[in-house]
Amino acid sequence: MKISRLMPLLCALFFLAPMQGVAETRITYKSAKTSSSYYQMAVQIAEAMKSGSGGDVIVTVEESQGSVQNVMEAAVRQGNYVFTTPPALIGLARDGKAMFEGKSSPKFDSIRALFPIPSLTMHFVVAQSSGISSFSDLEGKTLLLGKGSFGAKEGAKYLKLFGLEGKVKIADVELSNAVSALKNGQIDAFVTAGSYPAPNVIEAAAGTGVKVLSLSDEQVVQSKRTRLIIPAGTYAGQADDIVTTSLPVVAYTSTQMTDDDAYLMTKTYWEQRDAMADSAAWWAAINADMLANINTEIHAGAIRYYEEAGVSLEAHHR
C-alpha cells in the first residue's frame, strides 16, 4: 500500500487515541509501606474508584516510607497527586517547624484536603487472665510496646503521663510476635496503633481472650489526642464501648487537581464507603463528622460535593 493511502488511516488513529483517554481521570495515590494496613486501604480505594466511576477514575498506588515523605513530595509532584497524612503535619510543613525545619515551600500552601480515612487508633490490649482492668493495674506487669512505630512512641508517652514510667516491665519482643507472646504468657499486655478493628487485636481476642483498656475523660485530655469510641462488639468478648484516642488521617491533594477531578474522586469515595466496609470493617468507622479533624482548607471540588450532600463545613475549610 502506498504511503499516500496510509496517511488518512494514520491521522485517524492519531486523533482517536487521545480521545479514548479523555474520560479517564488518572490519580497517583501515595500511601504507606506495603506491609501496613494503610497500603491495603490505598489498594481498596483504588479498586473502589475504578468500580464506582465505571472506570473513569484510575488510581495508581505508590508505596511510601511515611507521612513526612508524602507531604514533602507535594512540593514537587505534578498533576493529580493524592497522599495521606495526619492533618497536623500540614500546619507544620507550612510553618517550617519540627521535621520540616529548613524544608518549607510555598507549594505547601496549595495543599487541600479531600476526605478522611481510618484513624490511627490506640489499643492497650491485656490478657483476660492477667487481671488487668485499668491502667493502674499495669504496674508490675510486662508490656510489649514495639519499636519505632507511632503506637510505641504514643504508648511510652501514656505510661509517663499516667504515672507508670519505670513501673512497668517493657518486653524486648517485636510487635509482630505480640499475639503469640500474650498467648504463651511471656507478656501481660501489648500496645498497638492502627485502624480498628486491628487484625492483631482480632486474632488475640479470638484465640486468647483479651480486654482493651478504656481511657478516662481526664486521660484523653492529658493525651492531647482525638477521643474515639470503639463500639461494643468490635472484638470478640467486647461487651462495652471502648474509649480511646486516635490520630486522624486524611487524604490530601493540591490545587493542581481540577475541581471536576476532586469532585469526582470525593463523590466516588463516599458513595463506595459502604461497599468497602463490606469487605474491610475499618471503613465502617468513617463518617462525615470526621471532617471536623481537618484543620486546613478542603479542595473546592470536594466542597462542591459536600454542599450537594448537605454536609456542614467549617469556615476554615473554604
Protein backbone atom coordinates (compact mmCIF):
# COMPACT_ATOMS: atom_id res chain seq x y z
CA MET A 1 0.00 0.00 0.00
CA LYS A 2 1.29 3.44 -0.87
CA ILE A 3 2.15 5.92 1.88
CA SER A 4 -0.39 8.37 0.47
CA ARG A 5 -3.16 5.81 1.10
CA LEU A 6 -1.91 5.18 4.66
CA MET A 7 -1.97 8.83 5.67
CA PRO A 8 -5.76 9.13 6.28
CA LEU A 9 -5.67 5.99 8.46
CA LEU A 10 -2.65 7.17 10.43
CA CYS A 11 -4.22 10.56 11.02
CA ALA A 12 -7.44 8.95 12.24
CA LEU A 13 -5.53 6.76 14.72
CA PHE A 14 -3.51 9.75 15.90
CA PHE A 15 -6.58 11.77 16.81
CA LEU A 16 -8.61 8.81 18.10
CA ALA A 17 -6.02 7.61 20.65
CA PRO A 18 -6.06 10.75 22.83
CA MET A 19 -9.87 10.97 22.66
CA GLN A 20 -10.21 7.44 24.02
CA GLY A 21 -8.48 8.53 27.24
CA VAL A 22 -10.29 11.87 27.65
CA ALA A 23 -12.88 10.44 30.08
CA GLU A 24 -10.26 8.90 32.37
CA THR A 25 -9.04 10.69 35.47
CA ARG A 26 -5.65 9.28 36.43
CA ILE A 27 -4.51 9.72 40.02
CA THR A 28 -1.30 8.82 41.84
CA TYR A 29 -2.05 7.83 45.46
CA LYS A 30 0.93 7.93 47.83
CA SER A 31 0.18 5.77 50.82
CA ALA A 32 2.46 3.86 53.22
CA LYS A 33 4.71 0.82 53.41
CA THR A 34 3.35 -2.21 51.57
CA SER A 35 3.25 -4.15 54.85
CA SER A 36 0.92 -1.64 56.53
CA SER A 37 -2.86 -1.55 56.78
CA TYR A 38 -2.80 1.88 55.13
CA TYR A 39 -1.33 0.40 51.97
CA GLN A 40 -4.17 -2.13 51.98
CA MET A 41 -6.61 0.76 52.32
CA ALA A 42 -5.00 2.51 49.35
CA VAL A 43 -5.49 -0.59 47.21
CA GLN A 44 -9.11 -0.79 48.34
CA ILE A 45 -9.64 2.87 47.46
CA ALA A 46 -8.11 2.30 44.01
CA GLU A 47 -10.47 -0.62 43.40
CA ALA A 48 -13.45 1.35 44.68
CA MET A 49 -12.62 4.33 42.46
CA LYS A 50 -12.45 2.19 39.36
CA SER A 51 -15.62 0.29 40.20
CA GLY A 52 -17.64 3.26 41.43
CA SER A 53 -16.74 5.50 38.49
CA GLY A 54 -17.23 2.87 35.82
CA GLY A 55 -13.53 3.06 35.00
CA ASP A 56 -13.45 6.85 34.73
CA VAL A 57 -11.10 7.18 37.74
CA ILE A 58 -7.89 5.14 37.63
CA VAL A 59 -5.73 5.22 40.77
CA THR A 60 -2.12 4.07 40.84
CA VAL A 61 -0.92 3.28 44.37
CA GLU A 62 2.66 4.11 45.35
CA GLU A 63 4.48 2.83 48.42
CA SER A 64 5.78 5.42 50.87
CA GLN A 65 8.12 5.48 53.85
CA GLY A 66 5.70 7.63 55.82
CA SER A 67 3.61 10.76 56.11
CA VAL A 68 6.55 13.19 56.15
CA GLN A 69 7.73 11.91 52.78
CA ASN A 70 4.17 12.17 51.44
CA VAL A 71 3.91 15.83 52.43
CA MET A 72 7.39 16.70 51.14
CA GLU A 73 6.57 15.29 47.73
CA ALA A 74 3.55 17.60 47.49
CA ALA A 75 6.05 20.40 46.81
CA VAL A 76 7.46 18.72 43.70
CA ARG A 77 4.83 16.35 42.30
CA GLN A 78 2.77 17.37 39.30
CA GLY A 79 -0.79 16.55 38.28
CA ASN A 80 -3.25 14.53 40.34
CA TYR A 81 -1.07 13.66 43.30
CA VAL A 82 -3.03 12.39 46.32
CA PHE A 83 -1.37 11.47 49.60
CA THR A 84 -2.27 10.57 53.18
CA THR A 85 -1.07 12.20 56.39
CA PRO A 86 -2.29 13.31 59.81
CA PRO A 87 -3.70 16.87 59.48
CA ALA A 88 -1.20 18.29 62.00
CA LEU A 89 1.68 17.73 59.55
CA ILE A 90 0.20 20.16 57.02
CA GLY A 91 0.45 23.02 59.50
CA LEU A 92 3.99 22.03 60.49
CA ALA A 93 5.04 21.90 56.83
CA ARG A 94 3.59 25.32 56.09
CA ASP A 95 5.31 26.82 59.12
CA GLY A 96 8.61 25.00 58.51
CA LYS A 97 8.58 23.52 62.00
CA ALA A 98 9.69 20.23 63.59
CA MET A 99 10.57 17.67 60.92
CA PHE A 100 10.03 20.34 58.21
CA GLU A 101 12.51 22.85 59.64
CA GLY A 102 14.55 24.28 56.79
CA LYS A 103 12.37 22.45 54.25
CA SER A 104 9.44 24.82 53.87
CA SER A 105 8.00 25.52 50.44
CA PRO A 106 5.33 27.97 49.21
CA LYS A 107 3.74 24.99 47.44
CA PHE A 108 2.64 23.61 50.80
CA ASP A 109 0.07 26.42 50.82
CA SER A 110 -1.62 24.80 47.81
CA ILE A 111 -2.34 21.53 49.70
CA ARG A 112 -6.06 20.80 50.00
CA ALA A 113 -7.98 18.06 51.82
CA LEU A 114 -10.34 15.62 50.13
CA PHE A 115 -11.74 13.16 52.69
CA PRO A 116 -10.90 11.37 55.97
CA ILE A 117 -9.67 7.78 56.05
CA PRO A 118 -9.50 5.46 59.10
CA SER A 119 -7.61 6.94 62.04
CA LEU A 120 -4.58 5.52 63.83
CA THR A 121 -6.33 4.16 66.92
CA MET A 122 -4.59 3.36 70.20
CA HIS A 123 -5.18 -0.13 71.66
CA PHE A 124 -3.89 -1.18 75.08
CA VAL A 125 -4.58 -4.92 74.87
CA VAL A 126 -4.38 -7.05 78.04
CA ALA A 127 -4.87 -10.76 78.59
CA GLN A 128 -8.11 -11.61 80.41
CA SER A 129 -6.09 -13.91 82.67
CA SER A 130 -3.82 -11.04 83.77
CA GLY A 131 -6.43 -9.44 85.99
CA ILE A 132 -5.71 -6.01 84.48
CA SER A 133 -8.81 -3.84 84.22
CA SER A 134 -7.35 -0.32 84.31
CA PHE A 135 -4.09 1.47 83.56
CA SER A 136 -3.08 1.48 87.23
CA ASP A 137 -3.22 -2.33 87.14
CA LEU A 138 -0.34 -2.35 84.63
CA GLU A 139 2.10 -1.61 87.45
CA GLY A 140 4.46 -4.55 87.84
CA LYS A 141 3.19 -6.21 84.66
CA THR A 142 5.06 -6.96 81.43
CA LEU A 143 4.06 -4.79 78.48
CA LEU A 144 5.10 -5.01 74.82
CA LEU A 145 5.42 -1.56 73.25
CA GLY A 146 7.18 -2.46 70.00
CA LYS A 147 9.87 -0.25 68.48
CA GLY A 148 9.89 2.92 66.45
CA SER A 149 6.22 2.97 65.49
CA PHE A 150 3.63 5.62 66.31
CA GLY A 151 1.99 3.16 68.70
CA ALA A 152 5.26 2.50 70.54
CA LYS A 153 6.04 6.20 70.98
CA GLU A 154 2.48 7.02 71.97
CA GLY A 155 2.32 4.09 74.38
CA ALA A 156 5.52 5.20 76.10
CA LYS A 157 4.11 8.73 76.35
CA TYR A 158 0.95 7.45 78.04
CA LEU A 159 2.91 5.44 80.59
CA LYS A 160 4.70 8.64 81.58
CA LEU A 161 1.51 10.73 81.59
CA PHE A 162 -0.36 8.22 83.74
CA GLY A 163 2.42 7.82 86.32
CA LEU A 164 3.59 4.39 85.16
CA GLU A 165 7.05 5.20 83.80
CA GLY A 166 9.56 2.81 85.34
CA LYS A 167 6.78 0.81 86.99
CA VAL A 168 6.04 -1.46 84.04
CA LYS A 169 8.35 -4.12 82.62
CA ILE A 170 8.91 -3.40 78.92
CA ALA A 171 9.27 -6.62 76.92
CA ASP A 172 12.02 -6.83 74.31
CA VAL A 173 9.79 -8.51 71.73
CA GLU A 174 8.77 -7.42 68.25
CA LEU A 175 5.16 -6.29 67.84
CA SER A 176 4.69 -8.95 65.14
CA ASN A 177 5.07 -11.54 67.90
CA ALA A 178 2.64 -9.87 70.30
CA VAL A 179 -0.25 -12.32 69.94
CA SER A 180 1.86 -15.44 70.44
CA ALA A 181 3.76 -13.80 73.34
CA LEU A 182 0.45 -12.94 75.02
CA LYS A 183 -0.89 -16.45 74.48
CA ASN A 184 2.30 -18.04 75.87
CA GLY A 185 2.30 -15.81 78.95
CA GLN A 186 5.54 -14.03 78.02
CA ILE A 187 3.73 -10.69 78.29
CA ASP A 188 0.62 -9.45 80.07
CA ALA A 189 -0.29 -6.77 77.57
CA PHE A 190 0.71 -5.08 74.32
CA VAL A 191 0.19 -1.71 72.67
CA THR A 192 -0.76 -1.35 69.04
CA ALA A 193 -1.97 1.53 66.90
CA GLY A 194 -3.82 1.16 63.64
CA SER A 195 -7.25 1.49 62.15
CA TYR A 196 -9.84 -0.51 64.01
CA PRO A 197 -10.70 -3.33 64.01
CA ALA A 198 -6.96 -4.07 64.18
CA PRO A 199 -6.04 -7.50 62.74
CA ASN A 200 -3.69 -8.41 65.61
CA VAL A 201 -6.35 -7.50 68.18
CA ILE A 202 -8.93 -9.58 66.32
CA GLU A 203 -6.52 -12.52 66.38
CA ALA A 204 -5.74 -12.09 70.08
CA ALA A 205 -9.41 -11.72 71.05
CA ALA A 206 -10.41 -14.81 69.11
CA GLY A 207 -7.60 -17.08 70.28
CA THR A 208 -6.59 -15.88 73.73
CA GLY A 209 -9.29 -13.80 75.36
CA VAL A 210 -8.37 -10.16 75.82
CA LYS A 211 -9.60 -6.83 77.11
CA VAL A 212 -8.85 -3.46 75.51
CA LEU A 213 -8.46 -0.81 78.19
CA SER A 214 -10.60 2.32 78.14
CA LEU A 215 -9.22 5.75 78.97
CA SER A 216 -10.96 8.10 81.36
CA ASP A 217 -12.04 11.52 80.12
CA GLU A 218 -9.16 13.03 82.09
CA GLN A 219 -6.65 10.67 80.46
CA VAL A 220 -7.97 11.56 77.00
CA VAL A 221 -7.44 15.24 77.77
CA GLN A 222 -3.93 14.51 79.08
CA SER A 223 -3.04 12.69 75.86
CA LYS A 224 -3.92 15.76 73.73
CA ARG A 225 -5.23 13.35 71.09
CA THR A 226 -8.64 12.95 69.47
CA ARG A 227 -11.20 10.98 71.51
CA LEU A 228 -12.54 7.92 69.72
CA ILE A 229 -15.08 5.22 70.59
CA ILE A 230 -14.57 1.61 69.50
CA PRO A 231 -18.15 0.28 69.53
CA ALA A 232 -19.15 -2.71 71.63
CA GLY A 233 -18.91 -5.95 69.70
CA THR A 234 -16.00 -4.82 67.54
CA TYR A 235 -13.84 -7.55 69.08
CA ALA A 236 -14.80 -10.98 70.40
CA GLY A 237 -15.94 -10.76 74.02
CA GLN A 238 -16.18 -6.94 73.96
CA ALA A 239 -19.44 -6.14 75.74
CA ASP A 240 -18.95 -2.37 76.14
CA ASP A 241 -17.74 0.58 74.11
CA ILE A 242 -14.02 1.32 74.44
CA VAL A 243 -12.94 4.93 74.98
CA THR A 244 -9.53 5.51 73.44
CA THR A 245 -7.54 8.06 71.47
CA SER A 246 -6.67 8.40 67.83
CA LEU A 247 -4.56 10.27 65.34
CA PRO A 248 -6.79 11.34 62.43
CA VAL A 249 -5.55 10.62 58.90
CA VAL A 250 -6.77 12.43 55.79
CA ALA A 251 -6.34 12.13 52.03
CA TYR A 252 -4.96 15.33 50.52
CA THR A 253 -4.15 16.70 47.08
CA SER A 254 -3.27 20.18 45.84
CA THR A 255 -4.86 22.92 43.79
CA GLN A 256 -3.19 21.35 40.74
CA MET A 257 -6.08 18.87 40.74
CA THR A 258 -9.03 20.31 38.86
CA ASP A 259 -12.31 20.95 40.64
CA ASP A 260 -14.03 18.34 38.47
CA ASP A 261 -11.47 15.66 39.31
CA ALA A 262 -11.60 16.45 43.04
CA TYR A 263 -15.39 16.39 42.93
CA LEU A 264 -15.48 13.04 41.13
CA MET A 265 -12.94 11.41 43.44
CA THR A 266 -14.63 12.66 46.61
CA LYS A 267 -18.11 11.72 45.41
CA THR A 268 -16.99 8.24 44.37
CA TYR A 269 -15.19 7.69 47.71
CA TRP A 270 -18.26 8.42 49.81
CA GLU A 271 -20.60 6.51 47.52
CA GLN A 272 -18.34 3.46 47.74
CA ARG A 273 -17.76 3.64 51.51
CA ASP A 274 -20.43 1.05 52.37
CA ALA A 275 -19.18 -1.35 49.70
CA MET A 276 -15.63 -1.00 51.06
CA ALA A 277 -16.91 -1.62 54.60
CA ASP A 278 -18.46 -4.89 53.46
CA SER A 279 -15.01 -6.22 52.63
CA ALA A 280 -12.95 -4.38 55.30
CA ALA A 281 -14.60 -3.36 58.57
CA TRP A 282 -12.35 -0.35 59.20
CA TRP A 283 -14.29 1.65 56.59
CA ALA A 284 -17.46 1.40 58.70
CA ALA A 285 -15.91 3.87 61.17
CA ILE A 286 -15.75 6.62 58.52
CA ASN A 287 -18.40 9.33 58.69
CA ALA A 288 -18.82 12.98 57.72
CA ASP A 289 -18.28 14.12 61.33
CA MET A 290 -14.59 13.28 60.84
CA LEU A 291 -14.28 16.30 58.53
CA ALA A 292 -14.02 18.29 61.77
CA ASN A 293 -10.50 16.84 62.15
CA ILE A 294 -9.38 18.72 59.03
CA ASN A 295 -7.82 21.99 60.21
CA THR A 296 -6.94 23.47 56.81
CA GLU A 297 -8.70 24.10 53.50
CA ILE A 298 -10.71 21.47 51.63
CA HIS A 299 -10.39 21.34 47.84
CA ALA A 300 -13.04 23.40 46.06
CA GLY A 301 -14.16 20.38 44.05
CA ALA A 302 -14.64 18.35 47.24
CA ILE A 303 -16.54 21.27 48.80
CA ARG A 304 -18.93 21.14 45.87
CA TYR A 305 -19.72 17.52 46.68
CA TYR A 306 -20.12 18.18 50.43
CA GLU A 307 -22.51 21.05 49.72
CA GLU A 308 -24.58 18.82 47.43
CA ALA A 309 -24.63 16.14 50.15
CA GLY A 310 -25.74 18.65 52.81
CA VAL A 311 -22.58 18.26 54.89
CA SER A 312 -21.75 21.16 57.20
CA LEU A 313 -18.25 22.59 56.85
CA GLU A 314 -16.21 24.98 58.98
CA ALA A 315 -15.19 28.47 57.81
CA HIS A 316 -11.51 27.45 57.57
CA HIS A 317 -12.41 24.62 55.17
CA ARG A 318 -13.23 27.14 52.42
